[in-house]
PDB file of N, CA and C in Angstrom:
ATOM      1  N   MET A   1      35.047   0.664  14.413  1.00  0.00           N
ATOM      2  CA  MET A   1      34.184   0.301  15.470  1.00  0.00           C
ATOM      3  C   MET A   1      33.248   1.479  15.384  1.00  0.00           C
ATOM      4  N   SER A   2      33.360   2.731  15.350  1.00  0.00           N
ATOM      5  CA  SER A   2      32.803   3.746  15.461  1.00  0.00           C
ATOM      6  C   SER A   2      31.661   3.810  14.290  1.00  0.00           C
ATOM      7  N   ALA A   3      31.914   3.205  13.015  1.00  0.00           N
ATOM      8  CA  ALA A   3      31.074   3.340  12.038  1.00  0.00           C
ATOM      9  C   ALA A   3      29.941   2.240  12.153  1.00  0.00           C
ATOM     10  N   LEU A   4      30.264   1.119  12.990  1.00  0.00           N
ATOM     11  CA  LEU A   4      29.177   0.216  13.525  1.00  0.00           C
ATOM     12  C   LEU A   4      28.345   0.565  14.293  1.00  0.00           C
ATOM     13  N   ILE A   5      28.837   1.587  15.289  1.00  0.00           N
ATOM     14  CA  ILE A   5      27.764   2.015  16.330  1.00  0.00           C
ATOM     15  C   ILE A   5      26.865   3.189  15.644  1.00  0.00           C
ATOM     16  N   VAL A   6      27.429   3.962  14.716  1.00  0.00           N
ATOM     17  CA  VAL A   6      26.652   4.861  13.774  1.00  0.00           C
ATOM     18  C   VAL A   6      25.682   4.033  13.114  1.00  0.00           C
ATOM     19  N   VAL A   7      25.804   2.979  12.537  1.00  0.00           N
ATOM     20  CA  VAL A   7      24.855   2.235  11.566  1.00  0.00           C
ATOM     21  C   VAL A   7      23.912   1.617  12.621  1.00  0.00           C
ATOM     22  N   LEU A   8      24.265   1.210  13.822  1.00  0.00           N
ATOM     23  CA  LEU A   8      23.263   0.570  14.700  1.00  0.00           C
ATOM     24  C   LEU A   8      22.413   1.892  15.227  1.00  0.00           C
ATOM     25  N   ALA A   9      22.966   2.735  15.670  1.00  0.00           N
ATOM     26  CA  ALA A   9      22.114   3.977  16.247  1.00  0.00           C
ATOM     27  C   ALA A   9      21.149   4.407  15.233  1.00  0.00           C
ATOM     28  N   CYS A  10      21.549   4.366  13.887  1.00  0.00           N
ATOM     29  CA  CYS A  10      20.474   4.891  12.862  1.00  0.00           C
ATOM     30  C   CYS A  10      19.379   3.740  12.608  1.00  0.00           C
ATOM     31  N   GLY A  11      19.802   2.537  12.755  1.00  0.00           N
ATOM     32  CA  GLY A  11      18.797   1.665  12.652  1.00  0.00           C
ATOM     33  C   GLY A  11      17.706   1.608  13.904  1.00  0.00           C
ATOM     34  N   ALA A  12      18.198   1.886  15.027  1.00  0.00           N
ATOM     35  CA  ALA A  12      17.496   2.080  16.145  1.00  0.00           C
ATOM     36  C   ALA A  12      16.624   3.193  16.064  1.00  0.00           C
ATOM     37  N   VAL A  13      17.051   4.336  15.577  1.00  0.00           N
ATOM     38  CA  VAL A  13      16.192   5.546  15.490  1.00  0.00           C
ATOM     39  C   VAL A  13      15.184   5.319  14.340  1.00  0.00           C
ATOM     40  N   CYS A  14      15.545   4.725  13.318  1.00  0.00           N
ATOM     41  CA  CYS A  14      14.514   4.669  12.253  1.00  0.00           C
ATOM     42  C   CYS A  14      13.486   3.376  12.566  1.00  0.00           C
ATOM     43  N   LEU A  15      13.718   2.434  13.532  1.00  0.00           N
ATOM     44  CA  LEU A  15      12.820   1.518  14.086  1.00  0.00           C
ATOM     45  C   LEU A  15      11.863   2.242  14.930  1.00  0.00           C
ATOM     46  N   LEU A  16      12.360   3.274  15.782  1.00  0.00           N
ATOM     47  CA  LEU A  16      11.449   3.989  16.554  1.00  0.00           C
ATOM     48  C   LEU A  16      10.785   5.017  15.842  1.00  0.00           C
ATOM     49  N   MET A  17      11.312   5.540  14.883  1.00  0.00           N
ATOM     50  CA  MET A  17      10.258   6.444  14.061  1.00  0.00           C
ATOM     51  C   MET A  17       9.237   5.506  13.525  1.00  0.00           C
ATOM     52  N   ARG A  18       9.290   4.341  12.995  1.00  0.00           N
ATOM     53  CA  ARG A  18       8.220   3.733  12.271  1.00  0.00           C
ATOM     54  C   ARG A  18       7.470   3.102  13.327  1.00  0.00           C
ATOM     55  N   LEU A  19       7.826   2.718  14.472  1.00  0.00           N
ATOM     56  CA  LEU A  19       6.933   1.951  15.470  1.00  0.00           C
ATOM     57  C   LEU A  19       6.337   2.883  16.496  1.00  0.00           C
ATOM     58  N   GLY A  20       6.903   3.899  16.717  1.00  0.00           N
ATOM     59  CA  GLY A  20       6.474   5.061  17.769  1.00  0.00           C
ATOM     60  C   GLY A  20       4.890   5.406  17.351  1.00  0.00           C
ATOM     61  N   PRO A  21       4.630   5.915  16.252  1.00  0.00           N
ATOM     62  CA  PRO A  21       3.150   6.118  15.817  1.00  0.00           C
ATOM     63  C   PRO A  21       2.320   4.876  15.946  1.00  0.00           C
ATOM     64  N   VAL A  22       2.771   3.928  15.582  1.00  0.00           N
ATOM     65  CA  VAL A  22       1.760   2.902  15.346  1.00  0.00           C
ATOM     66  C   VAL A  22       1.522   2.404  16.931  1.00  0.00           C
ATOM     67  N   GLU A  23       2.529   2.470  17.626  1.00  0.00           N
ATOM     68  CA  GLU A  23       2.189   2.240  19.250  1.00  0.00           C
ATOM     69  C   GLU A  23       1.335   3.218  19.866  1.00  0.00           C
ATOM     70  N   LEU A  24       1.511   4.523  19.595  1.00  0.00           N
ATOM     71  CA  LEU A  24       0.911   5.538  20.219  1.00  0.00           C
ATOM     72  C   LEU A  24      -0.486   5.474  19.736  1.00  0.00           C
ATOM     73  N   LEU A  25      -0.811   5.289  18.523  1.00  0.00           N
ATOM     74  CA  LEU A  25      -2.095   5.406  17.907  1.00  0.00           C
ATOM     75  C   LEU A  25      -2.958   3.866  18.255  1.00  0.00           C
ATOM     76  N   ALA A  26      -2.221   2.832  18.391  1.00  0.00           N
ATOM     77  CA  ALA A  26      -2.893   1.647  18.649  1.00  0.00           C
ATOM     78  C   ALA A  26      -3.685   1.922  20.048  1.00  0.00           C
ATOM     79  N   ARG A  27      -3.265   2.444  20.914  1.00  0.00           N
ATOM     80  CA  ARG A  27      -3.901   2.701  22.320  1.00  0.00           C
ATOM     81  C   ARG A  27      -4.931   3.769  22.319  1.00  0.00           C
ATOM     82  N   THR A  28      -4.988   4.478  21.381  1.00  0.00           N
ATOM     83  CA  THR A  28      -6.162   5.596  21.421  1.00  0.00           C
ATOM     84  C   THR A  28      -6.934   5.472  20.116  1.00  0.00           C
ATOM     85  N   GLN A  29      -8.336   6.076  20.186  1.00  0.00           N
ATOM     86  CA  GLN A  29      -9.130   6.055  19.059  1.00  0.00           C
ATOM     87  C   GLN A  29      -8.713   7.556  18.277  1.00  0.00           C
ATOM     88  N   PRO A  30      -8.286   7.026  17.041  1.00  0.00           N
ATOM     89  CA  PRO A  30      -7.701   8.436  16.234  1.00  0.00           C
ATOM     90  C   PRO A  30      -8.936   9.441  15.796  1.00  0.00           C
ATOM     91  N   PRO A  31      -8.663  10.626  15.741  1.00  0.00           N
ATOM     92  CA  PRO A  31      -9.687  11.569  15.418  1.00  0.00           C
ATOM     93  C   PRO A  31     -10.359  11.104  14.049  1.00  0.00           C
ATOM     94  N   PRO A  32     -11.569  11.701  13.726  1.00  0.00           N
ATOM     95  CA  PRO A  32     -12.248  11.420  12.515  1.00  0.00           C
ATOM     96  C   PRO A  32     -11.354  12.049  11.277  1.00  0.00           C
ATOM     97  N   TRP A  33     -10.594  13.334  11.536  1.00  0.00           N
ATOM     98  CA  TRP A  33     -10.066  13.831  10.309  1.00  0.00           C
ATOM     99  C   TRP A  33      -8.985  13.026  10.049  1.00  0.00           C
ATOM    100  N   LEU A  34      -8.165  12.082  10.837  1.00  0.00           N
ATOM    101  CA  LEU A  34      -7.002  11.423  10.626  1.00  0.00           C
ATOM    102  C   LEU A  34      -7.521  10.445   9.595  1.00  0.00           C
ATOM    103  N   ASP A  35      -8.714   9.713   9.972  1.00  0.00           N
ATOM    104  CA  ASP A  35      -9.179   8.910   8.897  1.00  0.00           C
ATOM    105  C   ASP A  35      -9.579   9.240   7.652  1.00  0.00           C
ATOM    106  N   ARG A  36      -9.905  10.447   7.533  1.00  0.00           N
ATOM    107  CA  ARG A  36     -10.174  11.231   6.230  1.00  0.00           C
ATOM    108  C   ARG A  36      -8.825  11.304   5.464  1.00  0.00           C
ATOM    109  N   VAL A  37      -7.705  11.638   6.252  1.00  0.00           N
ATOM    110  CA  VAL A  37      -6.593  12.117   5.554  1.00  0.00           C
ATOM    111  C   VAL A  37      -5.942  10.661   5.220  1.00  0.00           C
ATOM    112  N   ALA A  38      -6.014   9.712   6.092  1.00  0.00           N
ATOM    113  CA  ALA A  38      -5.514   8.404   5.782  1.00  0.00           C
ATOM    114  C   ALA A  38      -6.009   7.730   4.466  1.00  0.00           C
ATOM    115  N   MET A  39      -7.357   8.135   4.192  1.00  0.00           N
ATOM    116  CA  MET A  39      -8.149   7.489   2.947  1.00  0.00           C
ATOM    117  C   MET A  39      -7.479   8.335   1.779  1.00  0.00           C
ATOM    118  N   LEU A  40      -7.091   9.355   1.825  1.00  0.00           N
ATOM    119  CA  LEU A  40      -6.556  10.099   0.625  1.00  0.00           C
ATOM    120  C   LEU A  40      -4.993  10.208   0.513  1.00  0.00           C
ATOM    121  N   SER A  41      -4.513   9.568   1.352  1.00  0.00           N
ATOM    122  CA  SER A  41      -2.822   9.467   1.306  1.00  0.00           C
ATOM    123  C   SER A  41      -2.499   8.500   0.166  1.00  0.00           C
ATOM    124  N   ALA A  42      -3.129   7.403  -0.082  1.00  0.00           N
ATOM    125  CA  ALA A  42      -2.676   6.373  -1.112  1.00  0.00           C
ATOM    126  C   ALA A  42      -2.829   7.109  -2.571  1.00  0.00           C
ATOM    127  N   PRO A  43      -3.995   7.578  -2.786  1.00  0.00           N
ATOM    128  CA  PRO A  43      -4.209   8.311  -4.176  1.00  0.00           C
ATOM    129  C   PRO A  43      -3.178   9.296  -4.349  1.00  0.00           C
ATOM    130  N   ALA A  44      -2.963  10.242  -3.171  1.00  0.00           N
ATOM    131  CA  ALA A  44      -1.943  11.310  -3.434  1.00  0.00           C
ATOM    132  C   ALA A  44      -0.682  10.890  -3.771  1.00  0.00           C
ATOM    133  N   ALA A  45      -0.289   9.675  -2.833  1.00  0.00           N
ATOM    134  CA  ALA A  45       1.109   9.395  -3.352  1.00  0.00           C
ATOM    135  C   ALA A  45       1.077   8.699  -4.684  1.00  0.00           C
ATOM    136  N   LEU A  46       0.408   8.044  -5.046  1.00  0.00           N
ATOM    137  CA  LEU A  46       0.206   7.424  -6.478  1.00  0.00           C
ATOM    138  C   LEU A  46       0.305   8.457  -7.537  1.00  0.00           C
ATOM    139  N   THR A  47      -0.376   9.516  -7.282  1.00  0.00           N
ATOM    140  CA  THR A  47      -0.516  10.652  -8.235  1.00  0.00           C
ATOM    141  C   THR A  47       0.940  11.483  -8.165  1.00  0.00           C
ATOM    142  N   ALA A  48       1.292  11.356  -7.200  1.00  0.00           N
ATOM    143  CA  ALA A  48       2.843  12.102  -7.154  1.00  0.00           C
ATOM    144  C   ALA A  48       3.971  11.206  -8.016  1.00  0.00           C
ATOM    145  N   VAL A  49       3.853  10.080  -7.563  1.00  0.00           N
ATOM    146  CA  VAL A  49       4.846   8.909  -8.381  1.00  0.00           C
ATOM    147  C   VAL A  49       4.394   9.250  -9.744  1.00  0.00           C
ATOM    148  N   ALA A  50       3.264   9.081 -10.203  1.00  0.00           N
ATOM    149  CA  ALA A  50       3.108   9.156 -11.822  1.00  0.00           C
ATOM    150  C   ALA A  50       3.263  10.366 -12.315  1.00  0.00           C
ATOM    151  N   VAL A  51       3.093  11.430 -11.795  1.00  0.00           N
ATOM    152  CA  VAL A  51       3.238  12.828 -12.297  1.00  0.00           C
ATOM    153  C   VAL A  51       4.795  13.041 -12.443  1.00  0.00           C
ATOM    154  N   THR A  52       5.507  12.663 -11.356  1.00  0.00           N
ATOM    155  CA  THR A  52       6.874  12.784 -11.308  1.00  0.00           C
ATOM    156  C   THR A  52       7.780  11.893 -12.444  1.00  0.00           C
ATOM    157  N   GLY A  53       7.242  10.658 -12.554  1.00  0.00           N
ATOM    158  CA  GLY A  53       7.609   9.777 -13.531  1.00  0.00           C
ATOM    159  C   GLY A  53       7.304  10.423 -15.072  1.00  0.00           C
ATOM    160  N   LEU A  54       6.031  10.817 -15.117  1.00  0.00           N
ATOM    161  CA  LEU A  54       5.875  11.729 -16.412  1.00  0.00           C
ATOM    162  C   LEU A  54       6.641  12.755 -16.735  1.00  0.00           C
ATOM    163  N   VAL A  55       6.732  13.553 -15.852  1.00  0.00           N
ATOM    164  CA  VAL A  55       7.626  14.834 -15.997  1.00  0.00           C
ATOM    165  C   VAL A  55       9.050  14.513 -16.128  1.00  0.00           C
ATOM    166  N   ALA A  56       9.584  13.492 -15.483  1.00  0.00           N
ATOM    167  CA  ALA A  56      10.956  13.207 -15.591  1.00  0.00           C
ATOM    168  C   ALA A  56      11.476  12.713 -16.928  1.00  0.00           C
ATOM    169  N   ALA A  57      10.425  11.874 -17.482  1.00  0.00           N
ATOM    170  CA  ALA A  57      10.760  11.080 -18.682  1.00  0.00           C
ATOM    171  C   ALA A  57      10.533  12.037 -19.949  1.00  0.00           C
ATOM    172  N   ALA A  58      10.182  13.211 -19.716  1.00  0.00           N
ATOM    173  CA  ALA A  58       9.711  13.981 -20.873  1.00  0.00           C
ATOM    174  C   ALA A  58      10.949  14.620 -21.471  1.00  0.00           C
ATOM    175  N   GLY A  59      11.382  13.828 -22.689  1.00  0.00           N
ATOM    176  CA  GLY A  59      12.710  14.272 -23.346  1.00  0.00           C
ATOM    177  C   GLY A  59      12.164  15.083 -24.624  1.00  0.00           C
ATOM    178  N   GLY A  60      10.816  14.999 -24.976  1.00  0.00           N
ATOM    179  CA  GLY A  60      10.088  15.561 -25.820  1.00  0.00           C
ATOM    180  C   GLY A  60       8.709  15.215 -26.090  1.00  0.00           C
ATOM    181  N   LEU A  61       7.919  15.569 -27.093  1.00  0.00           N
ATOM    182  CA  LEU A  61       6.689  15.306 -27.191  1.00  0.00           C
ATOM    183  C   LEU A  61       6.338  13.843 -27.584  1.00  0.00           C
ATOM    184  N   ALA A  62       7.335  13.338 -28.268  1.00  0.00           N
ATOM    185  CA  ALA A  62       7.105  11.900 -28.756  1.00  0.00           C
ATOM    186  C   ALA A  62       7.422  10.944 -27.511  1.00  0.00           C
ATOM    187  N   ASP A  63       8.052  11.584 -26.593  1.00  0.00           N
ATOM    188  CA  ASP A  63       8.209  10.698 -25.141  1.00  0.00           C
ATOM    189  C   ASP A  63       7.021  10.888 -24.366  1.00  0.00           C
ATOM    190  N   LEU A  64       6.691  11.953 -24.454  1.00  0.00           N
ATOM    191  CA  LEU A  64       5.371  12.359 -23.373  1.00  0.00           C
ATOM    192  C   LEU A  64       4.128  12.041 -23.863  1.00  0.00           C
ATOM    193  N   LEU A  65       3.759  11.941 -25.054  1.00  0.00           N
ATOM    194  CA  LEU A  65       2.682  11.288 -25.578  1.00  0.00           C
ATOM    195  C   LEU A  65       2.141   9.989 -24.790  1.00  0.00           C
ATOM    196  N   PRO A  66       3.072   9.004 -25.186  1.00  0.00           N
ATOM    197  CA  PRO A  66       2.286   7.593 -24.643  1.00  0.00           C
ATOM    198  C   PRO A  66       2.368   7.709 -23.185  1.00  0.00           C
ATOM    199  N   ARG A  67       3.154   8.223 -22.290  1.00  0.00           N
ATOM    200  CA  ARG A  67       3.010   8.338 -20.997  1.00  0.00           C
ATOM    201  C   ARG A  67       1.708   9.091 -20.581  1.00  0.00           C
ATOM    202  N   ALA A  68       1.559  10.258 -21.238  1.00  0.00           N
ATOM    203  CA  ALA A  68       0.430  11.183 -20.745  1.00  0.00           C
ATOM    204  C   ALA A  68      -0.783  10.493 -21.141  1.00  0.00           C
ATOM    205  N   ALA A  69      -1.019   9.834 -22.215  1.00  0.00           N
ATOM    206  CA  ALA A  69      -2.197   9.043 -22.628  1.00  0.00           C
ATOM    207  C   ALA A  69      -2.473   7.951 -21.659  1.00  0.00           C
ATOM    208  N   ALA A  70      -1.405   6.983 -21.315  1.00  0.00           N
ATOM    209  CA  ALA A  70      -1.524   6.046 -20.348  1.00  0.00           C
ATOM    210  C   ALA A  70      -2.033   6.331 -18.910  1.00  0.00           C
ATOM    211  N   LEU A  71      -1.375   7.776 -18.625  1.00  0.00           N
ATOM    212  CA  LEU A  71      -1.863   8.114 -17.318  1.00  0.00           C
ATOM    213  C   LEU A  71      -3.218   8.558 -17.295  1.00  0.00           C
ATOM    214  N   GLY A  72      -3.815   9.209 -18.406  1.00  0.00           N
ATOM    215  CA  GLY A  72      -5.143   9.615 -18.599  1.00  0.00           C
ATOM    216  C   GLY A  72      -6.097   8.556 -18.456  1.00  0.00           C
ATOM    217  N   ILE A  73      -5.781   7.447 -19.276  1.00  0.00           N
ATOM    218  CA  ILE A  73      -6.629   6.280 -19.359  1.00  0.00           C
ATOM    219  C   ILE A  73      -6.538   5.543 -17.807  1.00  0.00           C
ATOM    220  N   ALA A  74      -5.459   5.464 -17.262  1.00  0.00           N
ATOM    221  CA  ALA A  74      -5.333   4.751 -15.840  1.00  0.00           C
ATOM    222  C   ALA A  74      -6.268   5.481 -15.074  1.00  0.00           C
ATOM    223  N   VAL A  75      -6.148   7.040 -15.012  1.00  0.00           N
ATOM    224  CA  VAL A  75      -6.988   8.001 -13.904  1.00  0.00           C
ATOM    225  C   VAL A  75      -8.388   7.353 -14.386  1.00  0.00           C
ATOM    226  N   VAL A  76      -9.013   7.212 -15.513  1.00  0.00           N
ATOM    227  CA  VAL A  76     -10.270   6.997 -15.786  1.00  0.00           C
ATOM    228  C   VAL A  76     -10.916   5.524 -15.092  1.00  0.00           C
ATOM    229  N   VAL A  77      -9.902   4.458 -15.396  1.00  0.00           N
ATOM    230  CA  VAL A  77     -10.141   3.221 -15.092  1.00  0.00           C
ATOM    231  C   VAL A  77      -9.920   3.253 -13.421  1.00  0.00           C
ATOM    232  N   ALA A  78      -9.235   3.962 -12.834  1.00  0.00           N
ATOM    233  CA  ALA A  78      -8.999   4.197 -11.276  1.00  0.00           C
ATOM    234  C   ALA A  78     -10.371   4.617 -10.784  1.00  0.00           C
ATOM    235  N   HIS A  79     -10.943   5.504 -11.324  1.00  0.00           N
ATOM    236  CA  HIS A  79     -12.027   6.278 -11.099  1.00  0.00           C
ATOM    237  C   HIS A  79     -13.249   5.427 -11.136  1.00  0.00           C
ATOM    238  N   ARG A  80     -13.352   4.565 -12.173  1.00  0.00           N
ATOM    239  CA  ARG A  80     -14.492   3.940 -12.283  1.00  0.00           C
ATOM    240  C   ARG A  80     -14.491   2.423 -11.757  1.00  0.00           C
ATOM    241  N   THR A  81     -13.466   1.855 -11.593  1.00  0.00           N
ATOM    242  CA  THR A  81     -13.316   0.594 -11.096  1.00  0.00           C
ATOM    243  C   THR A  81     -12.800   0.493  -9.536  1.00  0.00           C
ATOM    244  N   ARG A  82     -12.129   1.498  -9.398  1.00  0.00           N
ATOM    245  CA  ARG A  82     -11.455   1.605  -7.895  1.00  0.00           C
ATOM    246  C   ARG A  82     -10.294   0.263  -7.714  1.00  0.00           C
ATOM    247  N   SER A  83      -9.971  -0.347  -8.640  1.00  0.00           N
ATOM    248  CA  SER A  83      -9.258  -1.514  -8.562  1.00  0.00           C
ATOM    249  C   SER A  83      -7.509  -1.080  -8.984  1.00  0.00           C
ATOM    250  N   THR A  84      -6.731  -1.427  -8.066  1.00  0.00           N
ATOM    251  CA  THR A  84      -5.388  -1.174  -8.286  1.00  0.00           C
ATOM    252  C   THR A  84      -4.715  -1.848  -9.450  1.00  0.00           C
ATOM    253  N   ALA A  85      -5.266  -3.075  -9.486  1.00  0.00           N
ATOM    254  CA  ALA A  85      -4.710  -4.027 -10.435  1.00  0.00           C
ATOM    255  C   ALA A  85      -5.263  -3.738 -11.993  1.00  0.00           C
ATOM    256  N   ALA A  86      -6.592  -3.328 -11.873  1.00  0.00           N
ATOM    257  CA  ALA A  86      -7.211  -2.880 -13.254  1.00  0.00           C
ATOM    258  C   ALA A  86      -6.439  -1.561 -13.599  1.00  0.00           C
ATOM    259  N   THR A  87      -6.148  -0.645 -12.661  1.00  0.00           N
ATOM    260  CA  THR A  87      -5.449   0.616 -13.012  1.00  0.00           C
ATOM    261  C   THR A  87      -3.945   0.371 -13.704  1.00  0.00           C
ATOM    262  N   ILE A  88      -3.370  -0.251 -12.871  1.00  0.00           N
ATOM    263  CA  ILE A  88      -1.909  -0.422 -13.374  1.00  0.00           C
ATOM    264  C   ILE A  88      -1.871  -1.386 -14.580  1.00  0.00           C
ATOM    265  N   GLY A  89      -2.732  -2.295 -14.790  1.00  0.00           N
ATOM    266  CA  GLY A  89      -2.630  -3.134 -15.960  1.00  0.00           C
ATOM    267  C   GLY A  89      -3.269  -2.345 -17.196  1.00  0.00           C
ATOM    268  N   THR A  90      -4.054  -1.523 -17.203  1.00  0.00           N
ATOM    269  CA  THR A  90      -4.781  -0.770 -18.083  1.00  0.00           C
ATOM    270  C   THR A  90      -3.759   0.307 -18.639  1.00  0.00           C
ATOM    271  N   GLY A  91      -3.081   0.898 -17.625  1.00  0.00           N
ATOM    272  CA  GLY A  91      -2.171   2.043 -18.058  1.00  0.00           C
ATOM    273  C   GLY A  91      -0.938   1.533 -18.525  1.00  0.00           C
ATOM    274  N   MET A  92      -0.333   0.288 -18.206  1.00  0.00           N
ATOM    275  CA  MET A  92       0.791  -0.359 -18.819  1.00  0.00           C
ATOM    276  C   MET A  92       0.403  -0.576 -20.200  1.00  0.00           C
ATOM    277  N   LEU A  93      -0.617  -1.406 -20.359  1.00  0.00           N
ATOM    278  CA  LEU A  93      -1.148  -1.778 -21.617  1.00  0.00           C
ATOM    279  C   LEU A  93      -1.415  -0.811 -22.608  1.00  0.00           C
ATOM    280  N   THR A  94      -1.851   0.339 -22.272  1.00  0.00           N
ATOM    281  CA  THR A  94      -1.945   1.578 -23.086  1.00  0.00           C
ATOM    282  C   THR A  94      -0.493   2.102 -23.299  1.00  0.00           C
ATOM    283  N   LEU A  95       0.283   2.198 -22.375  1.00  0.00           N
ATOM    284  CA  LEU A  95       1.580   2.635 -22.622  1.00  0.00           C
ATOM    285  C   LEU A  95       2.519   1.664 -23.688  1.00  0.00           C
ATOM    286  N   TRP A  96       2.298   0.462 -23.661  1.00  0.00           N
ATOM    287  CA  TRP A  96       2.868  -0.344 -24.349  1.00  0.00           C
ATOM    288  C   TRP A  96       2.368  -0.492 -25.768  1.00  0.00           C
ATOM    289  N   LEU A  97       1.133  -0.186 -26.005  1.00  0.00           N
ATOM    290  CA  LEU A  97       0.534  -0.227 -27.150  1.00  0.00           C
ATOM    291  C   LEU A  97       0.815   1.017 -28.041  1.00  0.00           C
ATOM    292  N   ILE A  98       0.615   2.289 -27.284  1.00  0.00           N
ATOM    293  CA  ILE A  98       1.099   3.475 -27.944  1.00  0.00           C
ATOM    294  C   ILE A  98       2.527   3.542 -28.429  1.00  0.00           C
ATOM    295  N   THR A  99       3.507   3.147 -27.424  1.00  0.00           N
ATOM    296  CA  THR A  99       4.847   2.994 -27.755  1.00  0.00           C
ATOM    297  C   THR A  99       5.189   2.174 -28.865  1.00  0.00           C
ATOM    298  N   ALA A 100       4.535   0.983 -29.066  1.00  0.00           N
ATOM    299  CA  ALA A 100       4.726   0.063 -30.227  1.00  0.00           C
ATOM    300  C   ALA A 100       4.190   0.519 -31.575  1.00  0.00           C
ATOM    301  N   ALA A 101       3.027   1.431 -31.403  1.00  0.00           N
ATOM    302  CA  ALA A 101       2.508   1.917 -32.568  1.00  0.00           C
ATOM    303  C   ALA A 101       3.452   3.176 -33.108  1.00  0.00           C
ATOM    304  N   GLN A 102       4.076   3.771 -32.026  1.00  0.00           N
ATOM    305  CA  GLN A 102       5.023   5.044 -32.627  1.00  0.00           C
ATOM    306  C   GLN A 102       6.243   4.313 -33.131  1.00  0.00           C
ATOM    307  N   SER A 103       6.785   3.388 -32.632  1.00  0.00           N
ATOM    308  CA  SER A 103       7.772   2.802 -33.222  1.00  0.00           C
ATOM    309  C   SER A 103       7.708   2.087 -34.637  1.00  0.00           C
ATOM    310  N   MET A 104       6.295   1.581 -34.916  1.00  0.00           N
ATOM    311  CA  MET A 104       6.084   1.290 -36.228  1.00  0.00           C
ATOM    312  C   MET A 104       5.985   2.281 -37.148  1.00  0.00           C
ATOM    313  N   LEU A 105       5.573   3.341 -36.833  1.00  0.00           N
ATOM    314  CA  LEU A 105       5.445   4.707 -37.593  1.00  0.00           C
ATOM    315  C   LEU A 105       6.549   5.230 -38.106  1.00  0.00           C
ATOM    316  N   ARG A 106       7.720   5.038 -37.344  1.00  0.00           N
ATOM    317  CA  ARG A 106       8.961   5.606 -37.587  1.00  0.00           C
ATOM    318  C   ARG A 106       9.777   5.152 -38.480  1.00  0.00           C
TER     319      ARG A 106
END
């Protein structure tokens, strides 16, 4: 019975942590600096995920090259198009093509 109480308490705390800022900010006008920070949070999060995946998968230069090339091309596409779908699609296509070319050459 105590495990159920702990799970319910953790769920309630998690819900309050998620809804608390939303409820507080919905009643007031956010400061201008918060808008600037919010605009940069998505690119920063995506960069963190991409670089972490790149470094974690680096077993050697042969593994790093396709991922680094795909990441570089995706950055250029993201900067030029500002489209998430185009960025992900181009990055994945580049990764698949370079990986396929590498496996053909081996």
